Amino acid sequence: MSIIAVFNQKGGVGKTTTAVNLAAALTRIGRVTYGIDLDPQAQFSAITNVIARSGTDTVLSMFQSNRPLRELVKESASKIRMVPAHTELSKVDALFGKGFNVVNKLNSALQIERFGGKDTPVLIDCNPMVGVLSLNAIFACTGLIVPISADHLSTKGAMQIEKTLSALEQVLKRRVNRRYLLTRFDGRRRMSWDVLKQVEEHFGADVCRTRIGENVSLAESPALNKTVFEHAPDSRGAHDYDELLKELLEQGFIE
């Protein structure tokens, strides 16, 4: 199975950009791909133009009434099959607490409905907080991608995630397979290389060899509600996400 969560406790690191463009890269090679937006800001949903009218169109209804995930799926113009988000998702923590059955809810639903099969990967965009929604993503995922923008504050955020994962793994009884992805990388800046060195020293083989460069097309495409492949398919940003997908497929991180 391939259920990939994209998470960092720091915003502005390319989390949603990575989720949406990795999903789009998968559809470009003919893979049926699901996207699940677990961020109440709903940026993944907006970029794919799949808009939830209310919380009932999101995983909130899965929590509230056990609504099947398949009833929530809508196909985007980029062919990503989306479960969208809505601001009402922010109610989840207050309504349901953090018991095991609650934080394992998405995992159970994905297993029952056989999402994340060999030919149908799932990309989950998490909100940047350790709460019920992000915990559901971590409990459900077969792999976790942690985007790190090439600055020192983002690196500290990734190190905090490592501590969070270490604590959760005692409950999960397994190591969460993860990859740390450098984003907004500018080879002309010494800080980018300093951050890369620091990340490689700390996370070792879990660091992706692909780096997502600072790119105008990547910055523009969300404002146009498009993936980078729709906006600028020949851009460096599109190339970088194609290369990232190739790397993850070669490693078996995505089946």
C-alpha atoms as a PDB file:
ATOM      1  CA  MET A   1       0.000   0.000   0.000  1.00  0.00           C
ATOM      2  CA  SER A   2       1.038   3.605  -0.533  1.00  0.00           C
ATOM      3  CA  ILE A   3      -0.528   6.149   1.801  1.00  0.00           C
ATOM      4  CA  ILE A   4       1.783   9.139   1.956  1.00  0.00           C
ATOM      5  CA  ALA A   5       1.292  11.937   4.477  1.00  0.00           C
ATOM      6  CA  VAL A   6       3.010  15.312   4.034  1.00  0.00           C
ATOM      7  CA  PHE A   7       3.601  17.058   7.345  1.00  0.00           C
ATOM      8  CA  ASN A   8       5.692  19.686   9.055  1.00  0.00           C
ATOM      9  CA  GLN A   9       4.848  21.569  12.232  1.00  0.00           C
ATOM     10  CA  LYS A  10       6.142  24.753  10.592  1.00  0.00           C
ATOM     11  CA  GLY A  11       4.153  26.517   7.881  1.00  0.00           C
ATOM     12  CA  GLY A  12       5.542  27.940   4.650  1.00  0.00           C
ATOM     13  CA  VAL A  13       7.841  24.997   3.909  1.00  0.00           C
ATOM     14  CA  GLY A  14       6.140  23.694   0.762  1.00  0.00           C
ATOM     15  CA  LYS A  15       3.881  21.154   2.451  1.00  0.00           C
ATOM     16  CA  THR A  16       0.796  21.638   0.279  1.00  0.00           C
ATOM     17  CA  THR A  17       2.929  22.346  -2.787  1.00  0.00           C
ATOM     18  CA  THR A  18       4.551  18.958  -2.311  1.00  0.00           C
ATOM     19  CA  ALA A  19       1.297  17.082  -1.678  1.00  0.00           C
ATOM     20  CA  VAL A  20      -0.509  18.499  -4.703  1.00  0.00           C
ATOM     21  CA  ASN A  21       2.373  18.299  -7.178  1.00  0.00           C
ATOM     22  CA  LEU A  22       3.447  14.818  -6.153  1.00  0.00           C
ATOM     23  CA  ALA A  23      -0.166  13.699  -6.596  1.00  0.00           C
ATOM     24  CA  ALA A  24      -0.280  15.441  -9.977  1.00  0.00           C
ATOM     25  CA  ALA A  25       3.000  13.803 -11.021  1.00  0.00           C
ATOM     26  CA  LEU A  26       1.468  10.407 -10.234  1.00  0.00           C
ATOM     27  CA  THR A  27      -1.616  11.095 -12.373  1.00  0.00           C
ATOM     28  CA  ARG A  28       0.690  12.124 -15.228  1.00  0.00           C
ATOM     29  CA  ILE A  29       2.158   8.615 -15.356  1.00  0.00           C
ATOM     30  CA  GLY A  30      -1.313   7.099 -15.415  1.00  0.00           C
ATOM     31  CA  ARG A  31      -1.773   6.258 -11.739  1.00  0.00           C
ATOM     32  CA  VAL A  32      -5.218   6.682 -10.198  1.00  0.00           C
ATOM     33  CA  THR A  33      -4.344   8.943  -7.271  1.00  0.00           C
ATOM     34  CA  TYR A  34      -6.358  10.079  -4.263  1.00  0.00           C
ATOM     35  CA  GLY A  35      -5.762  13.288  -2.341  1.00  0.00           C
ATOM     36  CA  ILE A  36      -7.072  13.873   1.174  1.00  0.00           C
ATOM     37  CA  ASP A  37      -6.991  17.405   2.521  1.00  0.00           C
ATOM     38  CA  LEU A  38      -6.749  17.410   6.323  1.00  0.00           C
ATOM     39  CA  ASP A  39      -5.879  21.090   6.664  1.00  0.00           C
ATOM     40  CA  PRO A  40      -8.798  23.408   7.577  1.00  0.00           C
ATOM     41  CA  GLN A  41      -7.110  26.079   5.433  1.00  0.00           C
ATOM     42  CA  ALA A  42      -8.097  23.850   2.477  1.00  0.00           C
ATOM     43  CA  GLN A  43      -5.275  24.947   0.177  1.00  0.00           C
ATOM     44  CA  PHE A  44      -4.897  21.496  -1.411  1.00  0.00           C
ATOM     45  CA  SER A  45      -8.635  21.624  -2.185  1.00  0.00           C
ATOM     46  CA  ALA A  46      -8.409  25.156  -3.602  1.00  0.00           C
ATOM     47  CA  ILE A  47      -5.461  24.363  -5.889  1.00  0.00           C
ATOM     48  CA  THR A  48      -7.322  21.371  -7.327  1.00  0.00           C
ATOM     49  CA  ASN A  49     -10.583  23.352  -7.536  1.00  0.00           C
ATOM     50  CA  VAL A  50     -12.482  20.813  -5.451  1.00  0.00           C
ATOM     51  CA  ILE A  51     -14.388  22.885  -2.929  1.00  0.00           C
ATOM     52  CA  ALA A  52     -16.300  21.557   0.072  1.00  0.00           C
ATOM     53  CA  ARG A  53     -19.569  23.410   0.687  1.00  0.00           C
ATOM     54  CA  SER A  54     -19.475  22.535   4.398  1.00  0.00           C
ATOM     55  CA  GLY A  55     -17.874  20.139   6.853  1.00  0.00           C
ATOM     56  CA  THR A  56     -20.224  17.383   5.694  1.00  0.00           C
ATOM     57  CA  ASP A  57     -18.256  17.195   2.431  1.00  0.00           C
ATOM     58  CA  THR A  58     -15.030  16.461   4.349  1.00  0.00           C
ATOM     59  CA  VAL A  59     -13.644  13.795   6.682  1.00  0.00           C
ATOM     60  CA  LEU A  60     -15.562  15.579   9.443  1.00  0.00           C
ATOM     61  CA  SER A  61     -18.601  13.525   8.403  1.00  0.00           C
ATOM     62  CA  MET A  62     -16.476  10.380   8.635  1.00  0.00           C
ATOM     63  CA  PHE A  63     -15.794  11.240  12.278  1.00  0.00           C
ATOM     64  CA  GLN A  64     -19.353  12.314  13.028  1.00  0.00           C
ATOM     65  CA  SER A  65     -21.421   9.680  11.232  1.00  0.00           C
ATOM     66  CA  ASN A  66     -18.997   7.096   9.791  1.00  0.00           C
ATOM     67  CA  ARG A  67     -19.679   8.366   6.296  1.00  0.00           C
ATOM     68  CA  PRO A  68     -17.672   6.271   3.782  1.00  0.00           C
ATOM     69  CA  LEU A  69     -14.699   8.065   2.247  1.00  0.00           C
ATOM     70  CA  ARG A  70     -15.789   7.078  -1.251  1.00  0.00           C
ATOM     71  CA  GLU A  71     -18.890   9.252  -0.888  1.00  0.00           C
ATOM     72  CA  LEU A  72     -16.633  12.274  -0.316  1.00  0.00           C
ATOM     73  CA  VAL A  73     -14.404  11.845  -3.383  1.00  0.00           C
ATOM     74  CA  LYS A  74     -14.592  14.318  -6.261  1.00  0.00           C
ATOM     75  CA  GLU A  75     -12.302  14.254  -9.300  1.00  0.00           C
ATOM     76  CA  SER A  76     -10.322  17.392 -10.092  1.00  0.00           C
ATOM     77  CA  ALA A  77      -9.382  18.764 -13.490  1.00  0.00           C
ATOM     78  CA  SER A  78      -5.863  17.413 -12.886  1.00  0.00           C
ATOM     79  CA  LYS A  79      -7.469  13.950 -12.356  1.00  0.00           C
ATOM     80  CA  ILE A  80      -6.608  13.795  -8.654  1.00  0.00           C
ATOM     81  CA  ARG A  81      -9.533  12.184  -6.810  1.00  0.00           C
ATOM     82  CA  MET A  82      -9.974  14.548  -3.901  1.00  0.00           C
ATOM     83  CA  VAL A  83     -11.523  14.421  -0.451  1.00  0.00           C
ATOM     84  CA  PRO A  84     -11.627  18.180   0.177  1.00  0.00           C
ATOM     85  CA  ALA A  85     -11.270  20.203   3.375  1.00  0.00           C
ATOM     86  CA  HIS A  86     -13.307  23.020   4.935  1.00  0.00           C
ATOM     87  CA  THR A  87     -12.735  25.400   7.824  1.00  0.00           C
ATOM     88  CA  GLU A  88     -15.161  23.300   9.900  1.00  0.00           C
ATOM     89  CA  LEU A  89     -12.436  20.646  10.163  1.00  0.00           C
ATOM     90  CA  SER A  90     -10.929  22.824  12.886  1.00  0.00           C
ATOM     91  CA  LYS A  91     -13.716  21.522  15.178  1.00  0.00           C
ATOM     92  CA  VAL A  92     -12.376  17.967  15.187  1.00  0.00           C
ATOM     93  CA  ASP A  93     -10.030  18.314  18.169  1.00  0.00           C
ATOM     94  CA  ALA A  94     -12.678  19.900  20.376  1.00  0.00           C
ATOM     95  CA  LEU A  95     -15.414  17.449  19.372  1.00  0.00           C
ATOM     96  CA  PHE A  96     -13.662  14.097  19.494  1.00  0.00           C
ATOM     97  CA  GLY A  97     -10.591  14.173  21.768  1.00  0.00           C
ATOM     98  CA  LYS A  98      -7.483  12.069  21.101  1.00  0.00           C
ATOM     99  CA  GLY A  99      -8.421   8.507  22.062  1.00  0.00           C
ATOM    100  CA  PHE A 100      -6.928   5.660  20.019  1.00  0.00           C
ATOM    101  CA  ASN A 101     -10.156   4.946  18.134  1.00  0.00           C
ATOM    102  CA  VAL A 102     -10.350   8.595  17.122  1.00  0.00           C
ATOM    103  CA  VAL A 103      -6.761   8.979  15.900  1.00  0.00           C
ATOM    104  CA  ASN A 104      -7.019   5.611  14.098  1.00  0.00           C
ATOM    105  CA  LYS A 105     -10.294   6.515  12.382  1.00  0.00           C
ATOM    106  CA  LEU A 106      -8.822   7.449   8.993  1.00  0.00           C
ATOM    107  CA  ASN A 107      -6.574   4.391   8.974  1.00  0.00           C
ATOM    108  CA  SER A 108      -9.569   2.109   9.583  1.00  0.00           C
ATOM    109  CA  ALA A 109     -11.583   3.789   6.827  1.00  0.00           C
ATOM    110  CA  LEU A 110      -8.741   3.545   4.302  1.00  0.00           C
ATOM    111  CA  GLN A 111      -8.196  -0.137   5.098  1.00  0.00           C
ATOM    112  CA  ILE A 112     -11.901  -0.999   4.836  1.00  0.00           C
ATOM    113  CA  GLU A 113     -12.297   0.822   1.539  1.00  0.00           C
ATOM    114  CA  ARG A 114      -8.927  -0.353   0.188  1.00  0.00           C
ATOM    115  CA  PHE A 115      -7.623   3.088  -0.604  1.00  0.00           C
ATOM    116  CA  GLY A 116      -3.869   3.184  -1.067  1.00  0.00           C
ATOM    117  CA  GLY A 117      -3.618  -0.010  -3.089  1.00  0.00           C
ATOM    118  CA  LYS A 118      -0.625  -0.839  -5.271  1.00  0.00           C
ATOM    119  CA  ASP A 119      -1.972   1.173  -8.210  1.00  0.00           C
ATOM    120  CA  THR A 120      -3.972   3.772  -6.257  1.00  0.00           C
ATOM    121  CA  PRO A 121      -1.700   5.815  -3.980  1.00  0.00           C
ATOM    122  CA  VAL A 122      -3.100   8.320  -1.482  1.00  0.00           C
ATOM    123  CA  LEU A 123      -1.492  11.714  -0.729  1.00  0.00           C
ATOM    124  CA  ILE A 124      -2.556  13.368   2.540  1.00  0.00           C
ATOM    125  CA  ASP A 125      -1.939  17.059   3.190  1.00  0.00           C
ATOM    126  CA  CYS A 126      -1.753  17.609   6.961  1.00  0.00           C
ATOM    127  CA  ASN A 127      -2.367  20.747   8.945  1.00  0.00           C
ATOM    128  CA  PRO A 128       0.780  22.112  10.655  1.00  0.00           C
ATOM    129  CA  MET A 129      -0.182  21.086  14.193  1.00  0.00           C
ATOM    130  CA  VAL A 130       0.026  17.859  16.166  1.00  0.00           C
ATOM    131  CA  GLY A 131      -3.707  17.353  16.640  1.00  0.00           C
ATOM    132  CA  VAL A 132      -6.375  14.786  15.804  1.00  0.00           C
ATOM    133  CA  LEU A 133      -6.162  15.370  12.048  1.00  0.00           C
ATOM    134  CA  SER A 134      -2.378  15.107  11.704  1.00  0.00           C
ATOM    135  CA  LEU A 135      -2.301  12.143  14.100  1.00  0.00           C
ATOM    136  CA  ASN A 136      -4.861  10.385  11.901  1.00  0.00           C
ATOM    137  CA  ALA A 137      -2.565  10.923   8.918  1.00  0.00           C
ATOM    138  CA  ILE A 138       0.477   9.561  10.768  1.00  0.00           C
ATOM    139  CA  PHE A 139      -1.427   6.517  12.045  1.00  0.00           C
ATOM    140  CA  ALA A 140      -2.706   5.793   8.542  1.00  0.00           C
ATOM    141  CA  CYS A 141       0.373   6.445   6.435  1.00  0.00           C
ATOM    142  CA  THR A 142       2.855   3.971   5.038  1.00  0.00           C
ATOM    143  CA  GLY A 143       5.271   6.845   4.505  1.00  0.00           C
ATOM    144  CA  LEU A 144       5.725  10.399   5.772  1.00  0.00           C
ATOM    145  CA  ILE A 145       7.309  13.228   3.782  1.00  0.00           C
ATOM    146  CA  VAL A 146       8.624  16.145   5.835  1.00  0.00           C
ATOM    147  CA  PRO A 147       9.318  19.190   3.628  1.00  0.00           C
ATOM    148  CA  ILE A 148      12.069  21.448   4.955  1.00  0.00           C
ATOM    149  CA  SER A 149      12.579  24.832   3.335  1.00  0.00           C
ATOM    150  CA  ALA A 150      16.229  25.780   3.119  1.00  0.00           C
ATOM    151  CA  ASP A 151      16.347  27.865   6.291  1.00  0.00           C
ATOM    152  CA  HIS A 152      17.370  27.124   9.862  1.00  0.00           C
ATOM    153  CA  LEU A 153      13.942  27.606  11.499  1.00  0.00           C
ATOM    154  CA  SER A 154      12.439  24.983   9.208  1.00  0.00           C
ATOM    155  CA  THR A 155      15.191  22.556  10.176  1.00  0.00           C
ATOM    156  CA  LYS A 156      14.337  23.039  13.850  1.00  0.00           C
ATOM    157  CA  GLY A 157      10.711  22.234  13.023  1.00  0.00           C
ATOM    158  CA  ALA A 158      11.770  18.976  11.373  1.00  0.00           C
ATOM    159  CA  MET A 159      13.811  18.013  14.420  1.00  0.00           C
ATOM    160  CA  GLN A 160      10.730  18.573  16.564  1.00  0.00           C
ATOM    161  CA  ILE A 161       8.801  16.209  14.300  1.00  0.00           C
ATOM    162  CA  GLU A 162      11.465  13.567  14.865  1.00  0.00           C
ATOM    163  CA  LYS A 163      10.776  13.806  18.615  1.00  0.00           C
ATOM    164  CA  THR A 164       7.032  13.579  17.980  1.00  0.00           C
ATOM    165  CA  LEU A 165       7.474  10.490  15.813  1.00  0.00           C
ATOM    166  CA  SER A 166       9.691   8.805  18.395  1.00  0.00           C
ATOM    167  CA  ALA A 167       6.908   9.201  20.961  1.00  0.00           C
ATOM    168  CA  LEU A 168       4.175   8.005  18.587  1.00  0.00           C
ATOM    169  CA  GLU A 169       6.136   4.970  17.453  1.00  0.00           C
ATOM    170  CA  GLN A 170       5.883   3.527  20.946  1.00  0.00           C
ATOM    171  CA  VAL A 171       2.102   3.430  20.409  1.00  0.00           C
ATOM    172  CA  LEU A 172       2.257   2.372  16.753  1.00  0.00           C
ATOM    173  CA  LYS A 173       4.763  -0.433  17.498  1.00  0.00           C
ATOM    174  CA  ARG A 174       6.575   0.368  14.249  1.00  0.00           C
ATOM    175  CA  ARG A 175       8.929   2.905  12.791  1.00  0.00           C
ATOM    176  CA  VAL A 176       7.229   5.415  10.525  1.00  0.00           C
ATOM    177  CA  ASN A 177       9.022   5.309   7.178  1.00  0.00           C
ATOM    178  CA  ARG A 178       9.932   8.911   6.370  1.00  0.00           C
ATOM    179  CA  ARG A 179      11.758  11.139   3.951  1.00  0.00           C
ATOM    180  CA  TYR A 180      13.010  14.667   4.570  1.00  0.00           C
ATOM    181  CA  LEU A 181      12.674  16.835   1.473  1.00  0.00           C
ATOM    182  CA  LEU A 182      14.605  20.083   0.963  1.00  0.00           C
ATOM    183  CA  THR A 183      12.386  22.734  -0.640  1.00  0.00           C
ATOM    184  CA  ARG A 184      12.965  26.325  -1.780  1.00  0.00           C
ATOM    185  CA  PHE A 185      16.577  25.320  -2.329  1.00  0.00           C
ATOM    186  CA  ASP A 186      18.745  27.985  -3.967  1.00  0.00           C
ATOM    187  CA  GLY A 187      22.214  26.718  -4.841  1.00  0.00           C
ATOM    188  CA  ARG A 188      23.493  30.318  -5.056  1.00  0.00           C
ATOM    189  CA  ARG A 189      22.917  30.825  -1.338  1.00  0.00           C
ATOM    190  CA  ARG A 190      25.372  29.476   1.194  1.00  0.00           C
ATOM    191  CA  MET A 191      22.561  28.997   3.707  1.00  0.00           C
ATOM    192  CA  SER A 192      20.908  26.419   1.446  1.00  0.00           C
ATOM    193  CA  TRP A 193      24.074  24.309   1.465  1.00  0.00           C
ATOM    194  CA  ASP A 194      24.515  24.793   5.220  1.00  0.00           C
ATOM    195  CA  VAL A 195      20.954  23.588   5.839  1.00  0.00           C
ATOM    196  CA  LEU A 196      21.471  20.619   3.519  1.00  0.00           C
ATOM    197  CA  LYS A 197      24.601  19.604   5.420  1.00  0.00           C
ATOM    198  CA  GLN A 198      22.835  19.950   8.765  1.00  0.00           C
ATOM    199  CA  VAL A 199      19.843  17.930   7.593  1.00  0.00           C
ATOM    200  CA  GLU A 200      22.001  15.165   6.131  1.00  0.00           C
ATOM    201  CA  GLU A 201      24.054  14.939   9.318  1.00  0.00           C
ATOM    202  CA  HIS A 202      20.925  14.666  11.449  1.00  0.00           C
ATOM    203  CA  PHE A 203      18.644  12.495   9.294  1.00  0.00           C
ATOM    204  CA  GLY A 204      21.131  10.566   7.167  1.00  0.00           C
ATOM    205  CA  ALA A 205      19.653   8.188   4.591  1.00  0.00           C
ATOM    206  CA  ASP A 206      16.136   9.515   5.208  1.00  0.00           C
ATOM    207  CA  VAL A 207      16.975  12.725   3.292  1.00  0.00           C
ATOM    208  CA  CYS A 208      15.767  12.787  -0.319  1.00  0.00           C
ATOM    209  CA  ARG A 209      18.535  13.227  -2.865  1.00  0.00           C
ATOM    210  CA  THR A 210      16.079  15.275  -4.947  1.00  0.00           C
ATOM    211  CA  ARG A 211      15.843  18.899  -3.890  1.00  0.00           C
ATOM    212  CA  ILE A 212      12.993  21.216  -4.864  1.00  0.00           C
ATOM    213  CA  GLY A 213      14.532  24.432  -6.121  1.00  0.00           C
ATOM    214  CA  GLU A 214      13.300  27.971  -5.560  1.00  0.00           C
ATOM    215  CA  ASN A 215      11.087  28.445  -8.600  1.00  0.00           C
ATOM    216  CA  VAL A 216       8.759  31.184  -9.840  1.00  0.00           C
ATOM    217  CA  SER A 217       6.314  28.722 -11.411  1.00  0.00           C
ATOM    218  CA  LEU A 218       5.912  26.835  -8.136  1.00  0.00           C
ATOM    219  CA  ALA A 219       5.200  30.121  -6.372  1.00  0.00           C
ATOM    220  CA  GLU A 220       2.698  31.270  -9.012  1.00  0.00           C
ATOM    221  CA  SER A 221       0.660  28.111  -9.543  1.00  0.00           C
ATOM    222  CA  PRO A 222      -1.279  28.067  -6.204  1.00  0.00           C
ATOM    223  CA  ALA A 223      -2.540  31.601  -6.834  1.00  0.00           C
ATOM    224  CA  LEU A 224      -3.914  30.370 -10.169  1.00  0.00           C
ATOM    225  CA  ASN A 225      -5.487  27.269  -8.541  1.00  0.00           C
ATOM    226  CA  LYS A 226      -3.319  25.032 -10.686  1.00  0.00           C
ATOM    227  CA  THR A 227      -0.684  22.385 -10.184  1.00  0.00           C
ATOM    228  CA  VAL A 228       2.744  23.306 -11.510  1.00  0.00           C
ATOM    229  CA  PHE A 229       2.191  20.811 -14.346  1.00  0.00           C
ATOM    230  CA  GLU A 230      -0.963  22.636 -15.424  1.00  0.00           C
ATOM    231  CA  HIS A 231       0.644  26.062 -15.078  1.00  0.00           C
ATOM    232  CA  ALA A 232       4.173  25.474 -16.384  1.00  0.00           C
ATOM    233  CA  PRO A 233       4.823  21.839 -17.353  1.00  0.00           C
ATOM    234  CA  ASP A 234       8.300  22.632 -18.707  1.00  0.00           C
ATOM    235  CA  SER A 235       9.439  24.590 -15.664  1.00  0.00           C
ATOM    236  CA  ARG A 236      12.185  23.660 -13.240  1.00  0.00           C
ATOM    237  CA  GLY A 237       9.540  23.165 -10.558  1.00  0.00           C
ATOM    238  CA  ALA A 238       7.692  20.571 -12.652  1.00  0.00           C
ATOM    239  CA  HIS A 239      10.992  18.836 -13.404  1.00  0.00           C
ATOM    240  CA  ASP A 240      11.899  18.696  -9.711  1.00  0.00           C
ATOM    241  CA  TYR A 241       8.629  17.021  -8.732  1.00  0.00           C
ATOM    242  CA  ASP A 242       8.959  14.540 -11.589  1.00  0.00           C
ATOM    243  CA  GLU A 243      12.438  13.699 -10.285  1.00  0.00           C
ATOM    244  CA  LEU A 244      11.136  13.361  -6.719  1.00  0.00           C
ATOM    245  CA  LEU A 245       8.488  10.903  -7.874  1.00  0.00           C
ATOM    246  CA  LYS A 246      11.080   8.853  -9.758  1.00  0.00           C
ATOM    247  CA  GLU A 247      13.247   8.683  -6.636  1.00  0.00           C
ATOM    248  CA  LEU A 248      10.369   7.607  -4.379  1.00  0.00           C
ATOM    249  CA  LEU A 249       9.253   4.958  -6.876  1.00  0.00           C
ATOM    250  CA  GLU A 250      12.791   3.596  -7.271  1.00  0.00           C
ATOM    251  CA  GLN A 251      13.127   3.297  -3.487  1.00  0.00           C
ATOM    252  CA  GLY A 252       9.725   1.623  -3.094  1.00  0.00           C
ATOM    253  CA  PHE A 253       8.603   4.463  -0.842  1.00  0.00           C
ATOM    254  CA  ILE A 254       5.651   4.658  -3.228  1.00  0.00           C
ATOM    255  CA  GLU A 255       4.698   1.325  -4.752  1.00  0.00           C
END
